[in-house]
């Protein structure tokens, strides 16, 4: 649905939200996860992992990361603590992995040492293929599914956008793997042998551009958003084996103007977005609110960060459709990179700045 197709919520509805800076001095932070109930692990895109204590103290870089090909949009990106972290101290992180003459998105697991100063038992679980020399469109959001498998979003690497429509590569895809890196037997393309163009068994869905947000809704369904080109940023509810259309269909256009391909917005066999933004707001990070800390009316709502226009989008859903959008925190004036609900039921943001911040949103 186009954002102009429904009434905007009154601006005053969230205008009296309060924010609190938990930590600052982070260099282009990209992903965060919560451990021990009140501590944070935060990635910095240049290739550093930090521990942030509740009092805002930021640790020295945690040792033990693999080689990272930092540059442009690449670097150390998302991070996620295992659902059983308190017992196994396992984390997952994704990053731009160097190799040969190119790079690609990789997903790794590790154990955080008890002193939280280093990573142990680092293992690469998945590496996007083929590698390609590019500093753009890595995707790289991680979601733990309710069945214990891991979803990972993968960008189209910008110049390889046509690859998003073929299943013999990982460009422009979402993949699903087990926590040891093996492939679930119920993946939609697992075991397929379709001639010369063998479908890669890790693939869950395809036809994506550059997804930098993904989350489960309250019913356990996977949702994601992706950057459009010039216009056409999308929110999609993701289903296995479905084709989300890029670059055959899009509500955007080429940078500087002009249609992409045949200029189609719909085509048989390709999924329509639940919602899209034109002009682009450059979405990054997303969370469904489970708690009632902001009142029961916000429970189940979707929150998406905006890099370009520097606000937090509050999306009201009904029957799987967006029926209202409210722009929050317009006075923050920082690029919002990640959005998460904390163990305390409050929303937390990372701002993508040279002096980036970890921010807590307080109830009004």
Protein backbone atom coordinates (compact mmCIF):
# COMPACT_ATOMS: atom_id res chain seq x y z
CA UNK A 1 0.00 0.00 0.00
CA UNK A 2 1.28 3.45 -0.87
CA UNK A 3 1.84 5.59 2.23
CA UNK A 4 -0.48 8.28 0.86
CA UNK A 5 -3.34 5.76 0.69
CA UNK A 6 -4.21 6.07 4.36
CA UNK A 7 -4.52 8.88 6.84
CA UNK A 8 -1.43 9.78 8.80
CA UNK A 9 -1.76 9.47 12.56
CA UNK A 10 -1.83 12.83 14.35
CA UNK A 11 1.67 14.16 14.81
CA UNK A 12 1.03 14.77 18.49
CA UNK A 13 0.38 11.10 19.21
CA UNK A 14 4.03 10.30 19.83
CA UNK A 15 5.43 13.79 20.08
CA UNK A 16 5.90 13.65 23.83
CA UNK A 17 8.05 10.52 23.85
CA UNK A 18 11.21 10.97 25.84
CA UNK A 19 14.62 9.63 24.87
CA UNK A 20 17.60 8.80 27.02
CA UNK A 21 21.15 8.34 25.76
CA UNK A 22 22.50 5.08 27.18
CA UNK A 23 25.90 5.29 25.50
CA UNK A 24 27.69 7.54 23.01
CA UNK A 25 31.01 7.72 21.22
CA UNK A 26 30.25 4.69 19.03
CA UNK A 27 31.65 4.85 15.50
CA UNK A 28 28.87 4.06 13.03
CA UNK A 29 27.20 1.40 15.19
CA UNK A 30 25.21 -1.09 13.09
CA UNK A 31 23.75 -3.88 15.23
CA UNK A 32 22.97 -4.57 18.88
CA UNK A 33 21.87 -7.45 21.05
CA UNK A 34 21.12 -7.83 24.75
CA UNK A 35 22.95 -10.14 27.14
CA UNK A 36 22.68 -10.78 30.88
CA UNK A 37 19.41 -8.86 30.99
CA UNK A 38 20.93 -5.37 31.08
CA UNK A 39 24.13 -5.34 29.01
CA UNK A 40 24.50 -4.77 25.29
CA UNK A 41 26.81 -6.00 22.58
CA UNK A 42 27.12 -3.38 19.85
CA UNK A 43 28.90 -3.65 16.52
CA UNK A 44 30.74 -0.77 14.90
CA UNK A 45 30.85 -0.95 11.12
CA UNK A 46 34.63 -0.31 10.90
CA UNK A 47 35.11 -3.76 12.44
CA UNK A 48 34.87 -3.50 16.22
CA UNK A 49 32.61 -5.20 18.75
CA UNK A 50 31.91 -3.43 22.05
CA UNK A 51 30.26 -4.33 25.34
CA UNK A 52 28.07 -1.57 26.76
CA UNK A 53 27.23 -1.67 30.46
CA UNK A 54 23.97 -0.27 31.90
CA UNK A 55 25.82 2.82 33.12
CA UNK A 56 26.86 3.61 29.55
CA UNK A 57 30.47 2.49 29.87
CA UNK A 58 31.76 1.27 26.49
CA UNK A 59 34.42 -1.45 26.59
CA UNK A 60 37.61 -1.71 24.60
CA UNK A 61 37.14 -3.69 21.36
CA UNK A 62 36.41 -7.36 22.03
CA UNK A 63 39.15 -9.54 20.56
CA UNK A 64 38.82 -12.56 18.30
CA UNK A 65 36.87 -11.31 15.29
CA UNK A 66 37.76 -12.82 11.91
CA UNK A 67 39.19 -10.76 9.05
CA UNK A 68 36.64 -8.17 7.92
CA UNK A 69 36.63 -6.32 4.60
CA UNK A 70 35.57 -2.92 5.90
CA UNK A 71 34.65 -0.18 3.44
CA UNK A 72 31.61 1.57 2.05
CA UNK A 73 28.54 -0.25 3.39
CA UNK A 74 30.66 -3.23 4.44
CA UNK A 75 32.19 -4.07 7.78
CA UNK A 76 30.99 -5.66 11.00
CA UNK A 77 27.22 -5.48 10.74
CA UNK A 78 24.50 -7.34 12.64
CA UNK A 79 24.79 -9.32 15.88
CA UNK A 80 22.41 -11.59 17.78
CA UNK A 81 22.68 -13.40 21.10
CA UNK A 82 21.46 -16.98 21.07
CA UNK A 83 18.10 -17.51 22.77
CA UNK A 84 19.94 -19.70 25.29
CA UNK A 85 22.83 -17.28 25.74
CA UNK A 86 22.72 -17.42 29.53
CA UNK A 87 23.70 -21.09 29.33
CA UNK A 88 25.84 -21.31 26.18
CA UNK A 89 27.20 -17.73 25.80
CA UNK A 90 26.80 -18.10 22.02
CA UNK A 91 26.42 -15.15 19.69
CA UNK A 92 25.96 -14.86 15.93
CA UNK A 93 27.30 -12.02 13.82
CA UNK A 94 27.48 -11.16 10.14
CA UNK A 95 30.07 -9.16 8.28
CA UNK A 96 31.68 -8.51 4.90
CA UNK A 97 34.10 -11.39 4.40
CA UNK A 98 37.17 -10.94 2.16
CA UNK A 99 38.23 -13.70 -0.19
CA UNK A 100 40.06 -13.95 -3.50
CA UNK A 101 39.41 -10.82 -5.52
CA UNK A 102 36.05 -10.07 -3.92
CA UNK A 103 33.95 -10.09 -0.77
CA UNK A 104 30.57 -11.29 0.42
CA UNK A 105 28.32 -11.47 3.46
CA UNK A 106 29.22 -14.15 5.99
CA UNK A 107 27.50 -15.41 9.13
CA UNK A 108 29.55 -16.70 12.05
CA UNK A 109 29.00 -18.04 15.54
CA UNK A 110 31.23 -17.59 18.57
CA UNK A 111 31.31 -17.99 22.31
CA UNK A 112 31.74 -14.84 24.37
CA UNK A 113 34.37 -15.46 27.04
CA UNK A 114 33.22 -15.05 30.63
CA UNK A 115 35.28 -11.88 30.99
CA UNK A 116 33.59 -10.57 27.80
CA UNK A 117 36.97 -9.48 26.45
CA UNK A 118 37.31 -11.95 23.59
CA UNK A 119 35.46 -14.34 21.33
CA UNK A 120 36.20 -18.04 21.41
CA UNK A 121 35.37 -20.93 19.08
CA UNK A 122 34.63 -18.67 16.12
CA UNK A 123 33.03 -20.64 13.27
CA UNK A 124 31.80 -19.42 9.89
CA UNK A 125 28.32 -20.90 9.43
CA UNK A 126 27.53 -19.48 6.01
CA UNK A 127 29.34 -17.55 3.29
CA UNK A 128 27.49 -15.87 0.44
CA UNK A 129 28.45 -17.09 -3.02
CA UNK A 130 29.79 -16.01 -5.37
CA UNK A 131 32.13 -13.42 -3.93
CA UNK A 132 32.12 -10.17 -5.85
CA UNK A 133 34.09 -6.96 -5.48
CA UNK A 134 31.61 -4.39 -4.20
CA UNK A 135 31.27 -2.04 -1.24
CA UNK A 136 27.48 -2.01 -1.39
CA UNK A 137 24.37 -4.08 -0.65
CA UNK A 138 25.49 -6.63 1.92
CA UNK A 139 22.06 -6.96 3.58
CA UNK A 140 23.09 -8.72 6.81
CA UNK A 141 20.26 -8.89 9.34
CA UNK A 142 20.01 -12.02 11.48
CA UNK A 143 16.80 -13.46 12.95
CA UNK A 144 16.49 -16.57 15.12
CA UNK A 145 13.38 -18.47 14.11
CA UNK A 146 11.16 -20.12 16.73
CA UNK A 147 12.42 -23.53 15.57
CA UNK A 148 16.00 -22.53 16.38
CA UNK A 149 17.13 -21.98 12.79
CA UNK A 150 18.69 -18.72 11.63
CA UNK A 151 17.51 -16.39 8.87
CA UNK A 152 20.07 -14.11 7.20
CA UNK A 153 19.26 -11.36 4.69
CA UNK A 154 21.61 -10.95 1.72
CA UNK A 155 21.94 -7.98 -0.61
CA UNK A 156 22.23 -8.14 -4.39
CA UNK A 157 25.72 -6.52 -4.32
CA UNK A 158 24.32 -3.60 -6.37
CA UNK A 159 25.84 -4.42 -9.78
CA UNK A 160 24.60 -8.03 -9.64
CA UNK A 161 20.93 -7.16 -9.30
CA UNK A 162 19.83 -9.61 -12.01
CA UNK A 163 21.21 -12.44 -9.85
CA UNK A 164 18.31 -11.84 -7.44
CA UNK A 165 16.05 -13.69 -9.92
CA UNK A 166 18.15 -16.84 -10.24
CA UNK A 167 18.56 -19.56 -7.64
CA UNK A 168 22.14 -20.65 -8.40
CA UNK A 169 23.64 -17.84 -6.29
CA UNK A 170 23.03 -16.07 -2.96
CA UNK A 171 22.70 -12.49 -4.26
CA UNK A 172 19.41 -10.82 -3.31
CA UNK A 173 18.19 -13.70 -1.17
CA UNK A 174 17.17 -14.65 2.36
CA UNK A 175 18.79 -17.86 3.53
CA UNK A 176 17.98 -20.21 6.41
CA UNK A 177 20.56 -22.40 8.15
CA UNK A 178 20.86 -24.34 11.37
CA UNK A 179 23.00 -23.05 14.22
CA UNK A 180 25.83 -25.39 13.19
CA UNK A 181 25.70 -24.13 9.60
CA UNK A 182 23.96 -27.19 8.18
CA UNK A 183 20.93 -26.90 5.92
CA UNK A 184 17.43 -27.65 7.23
CA UNK A 185 15.83 -30.47 5.25
CA UNK A 186 12.56 -28.53 5.05
CA UNK A 187 14.11 -25.53 3.28
CA UNK A 188 12.04 -24.98 0.12
CA UNK A 189 14.89 -25.73 -2.28
CA UNK A 190 16.71 -28.39 -0.24
CA UNK A 191 17.33 -31.47 -2.38
CA UNK A 192 16.26 -29.77 -5.60
CA UNK A 193 18.21 -30.70 -8.70
CA UNK A 194 16.78 -28.62 -11.50
CA UNK A 195 19.22 -29.18 -14.33
CA UNK A 196 21.93 -26.71 -15.21
CA UNK A 197 20.66 -24.12 -12.77
CA UNK A 198 20.69 -26.01 -9.49
CA UNK A 199 18.86 -24.15 -6.75
CA UNK A 200 21.06 -23.53 -3.73
CA UNK A 201 19.53 -25.30 -0.72
CA UNK A 202 20.13 -22.49 1.78
CA UNK A 203 17.73 -20.17 -0.05
CA UNK A 204 14.44 -19.33 1.67
CA UNK A 205 13.16 -16.52 -0.58
CA UNK A 206 14.50 -14.46 -3.47
CA UNK A 207 14.01 -11.35 -5.57
CA UNK A 208 15.29 -9.00 -2.86
CA UNK A 209 17.47 -5.91 -3.28
CA UNK A 210 19.15 -4.97 0.00
CA UNK A 211 17.38 -5.96 3.20
CA UNK A 212 18.71 -4.24 6.32
CA UNK A 213 15.79 -5.05 8.59
CA UNK A 214 14.12 -8.33 9.58
CA UNK A 215 12.06 -9.51 12.55
CA UNK A 216 9.45 -12.02 13.65
CA UNK A 217 5.96 -10.75 14.38
CA UNK A 218 4.07 -11.82 17.49
CA UNK A 219 2.81 -14.95 15.68
CA UNK A 220 6.32 -15.97 14.62
CA UNK A 221 6.07 -14.89 10.96
CA UNK A 222 9.17 -13.45 9.29
CA UNK A 223 8.97 -9.88 8.00
CA UNK A 224 11.68 -7.80 6.37
CA UNK A 225 12.21 -4.47 4.71
CA UNK A 226 14.55 -3.60 1.90
CA UNK A 227 15.99 -0.54 0.26
CA UNK A 228 14.50 0.36 -3.08
CA UNK A 229 16.55 2.25 -5.66
CA UNK A 230 15.25 5.84 -6.04
CA UNK A 231 11.93 5.24 -4.28
CA UNK A 232 10.23 1.95 -3.64
CA UNK A 233 11.58 0.95 -0.22
CA UNK A 234 9.51 -2.11 0.74
CA UNK A 235 8.13 -4.02 3.69
CA UNK A 236 7.49 -7.69 2.93
CA UNK A 237 6.01 -10.59 4.85
CA UNK A 238 8.33 -13.40 3.82
CA UNK A 239 7.15 -16.84 2.78
CA UNK A 240 9.33 -19.75 1.66
CA UNK A 241 10.16 -20.10 -2.06
CA UNK A 242 8.40 -16.82 -2.93
CA UNK A 243 9.82 -14.34 -5.44
CA UNK A 244 9.69 -10.71 -4.25
CA UNK A 245 10.31 -9.33 -7.69
CA UNK A 246 13.53 -7.32 -7.72
CA UNK A 247 14.64 -6.10 -10.26
CA UNK A 248 11.72 -7.10 -12.51
CA UNK A 249 9.11 -5.22 -10.48
CA UNK A 250 9.70 -2.18 -8.29
CA UNK A 251 7.97 1.02 -7.22
CA UNK A 252 11.28 2.85 -7.59
CA UNK A 253 13.30 4.11 -10.52
CA UNK A 254 16.95 4.46 -11.48
CA UNK A 255 19.07 6.97 -9.60
CA UNK A 256 18.67 10.22 -11.50
CA UNK A 257 15.40 9.02 -13.02
CA UNK A 258 14.32 6.50 -15.62
CA UNK A 259 12.57 3.17 -15.39
CA UNK A 260 14.24 -0.02 -14.24
CA UNK A 261 13.85 -2.80 -16.79
CA UNK A 262 10.38 -2.57 -18.28
CA UNK A 263 9.20 -0.27 -15.52
CA UNK A 264 6.80 -2.85 -14.07
CA UNK A 265 5.27 -2.68 -10.61
CA UNK A 266 3.42 -6.01 -10.81
CA UNK A 267 3.92 -9.33 -12.55
CA UNK A 268 2.35 -12.76 -12.18
CA UNK A 269 4.31 -15.03 -9.86
CA UNK A 270 5.91 -12.14 -7.98
CA UNK A 271 4.86 -10.89 -4.55
CA UNK A 272 3.58 -7.40 -3.88
CA UNK A 273 5.01 -5.53 -0.88
CA UNK A 274 2.84 -5.06 2.19
CA UNK A 275 3.90 -1.42 2.17
CA UNK A 276 6.32 0.82 0.30
CA UNK A 277 7.77 4.31 0.56
CA UNK A 278 8.19 6.76 -2.30
CA UNK A 279 10.35 8.78 -1.94
CA UNK A 280 12.76 6.45 -0.16
CA UNK A 281 13.16 6.86 3.58
CA UNK A 282 16.13 4.41 3.62
CA UNK A 283 14.88 1.86 6.18
CA UNK A 284 17.24 0.08 8.56
CA UNK A 285 16.39 -2.02 11.59
CA UNK A 286 12.92 -3.15 12.56
CA UNK A 287 11.12 -4.51 15.61
CA UNK A 288 7.64 -5.66 16.53
CA UNK A 289 6.75 -4.40 19.98
CA UNK A 290 5.69 -7.21 22.30
CA UNK A 291 5.37 -5.32 25.57
CA UNK A 292 2.72 -2.92 26.83
CA UNK A 293 5.25 -0.45 28.26
CA UNK A 294 3.95 2.25 25.92
CA UNK A 295 0.31 1.26 26.37
CA UNK A 296 -1.63 -1.66 24.98
CA UNK A 297 -2.46 0.26 21.81
CA UNK A 298 1.14 -0.10 20.63
CA UNK A 299 1.44 -3.84 21.32
CA UNK A 300 2.12 -5.74 18.10
CA UNK A 301 2.98 -2.59 16.15
CA UNK A 302 5.99 -2.38 13.85
CA UNK A 303 8.83 0.14 14.28
CA UNK A 304 11.33 0.88 11.49
CA UNK A 305 14.35 3.19 11.51
CA UNK A 306 14.86 5.76 8.75
CA UNK A 307 18.38 6.67 7.71
CA UNK A 308 17.63 9.31 5.08
CA UNK A 309 14.85 11.26 6.78
CA UNK A 310 16.06 10.56 10.33
CA UNK A 311 12.96 9.38 12.14
CA UNK A 312 11.40 6.28 13.64
CA UNK A 313 8.42 4.98 11.67
CA UNK A 314 5.58 3.60 13.82
CA UNK A 315 3.39 1.37 11.67
CA UNK A 316 -0.04 0.18 12.77
CA UNK A 317 -1.00 -3.18 11.27
CA UNK A 318 -4.42 -4.75 10.79
CA UNK A 319 -5.03 -8.07 9.06
CA UNK A 320 -1.45 -8.06 7.76
CA UNK A 321 -1.73 -4.58 6.24
CA UNK A 322 -0.33 -1.20 7.24
CA UNK A 323 -3.25 1.06 8.13
CA UNK A 324 -1.42 3.99 9.78
CA UNK A 325 2.08 5.43 9.85
CA UNK A 326 3.32 7.85 12.47
CA UNK A 327 6.71 9.55 12.28
CA UNK A 328 8.38 9.61 15.67
CA UNK A 329 11.49 11.38 16.99
CA UNK A 330 11.84 13.80 14.11
CA UNK A 331 13.71 16.14 16.45
CA UNK A 332 16.39 13.50 17.08
CA UNK A 333 18.06 14.47 13.79
CA UNK A 334 20.19 11.34 13.60
CA UNK A 335 20.28 8.44 11.14
CA UNK A 336 18.54 5.49 12.80
CA UNK A 337 20.34 2.25 11.96
CA UNK A 338 18.83 -0.35 14.29
CA UNK A 339 15.68 -0.79 16.39
CA UNK A 340 15.23 -3.46 19.06
CA UNK A 341 12.95 -4.19 21.99
CA UNK A 342 14.95 -4.74 25.16
CA UNK A 343 14.35 -7.27 27.94
CA UNK A 344 12.69 -4.41 29.85
CA UNK A 345 10.07 -4.05 27.11
CA UNK A 346 11.40 -0.66 25.97
CA UNK A 347 12.57 0.24 22.48
CA UNK A 348 16.25 0.93 21.83
CA UNK A 349 17.88 2.64 18.85
CA UNK A 350 21.34 2.87 17.35
CA UNK A 351 22.21 6.00 15.41
CA UNK A 352 24.54 5.67 12.44
CA UNK A 353 26.87 8.56 13.03
CA UNK A 354 30.60 9.06 13.52
CA UNK A 355 29.67 9.76 17.14
CA UNK A 356 26.82 7.28 17.24
CA UNK A 357 24.53 6.72 20.20
CA UNK A 358 22.60 3.92 21.86
CA UNK A 359 19.27 5.45 22.83
CA UNK A 360 16.42 4.25 25.04
CA UNK A 361 12.87 5.42 24.30
CA UNK A 362 10.94 6.10 27.50
CA UNK A 363 7.18 5.83 27.79
CA UNK A 364 5.24 9.05 27.52
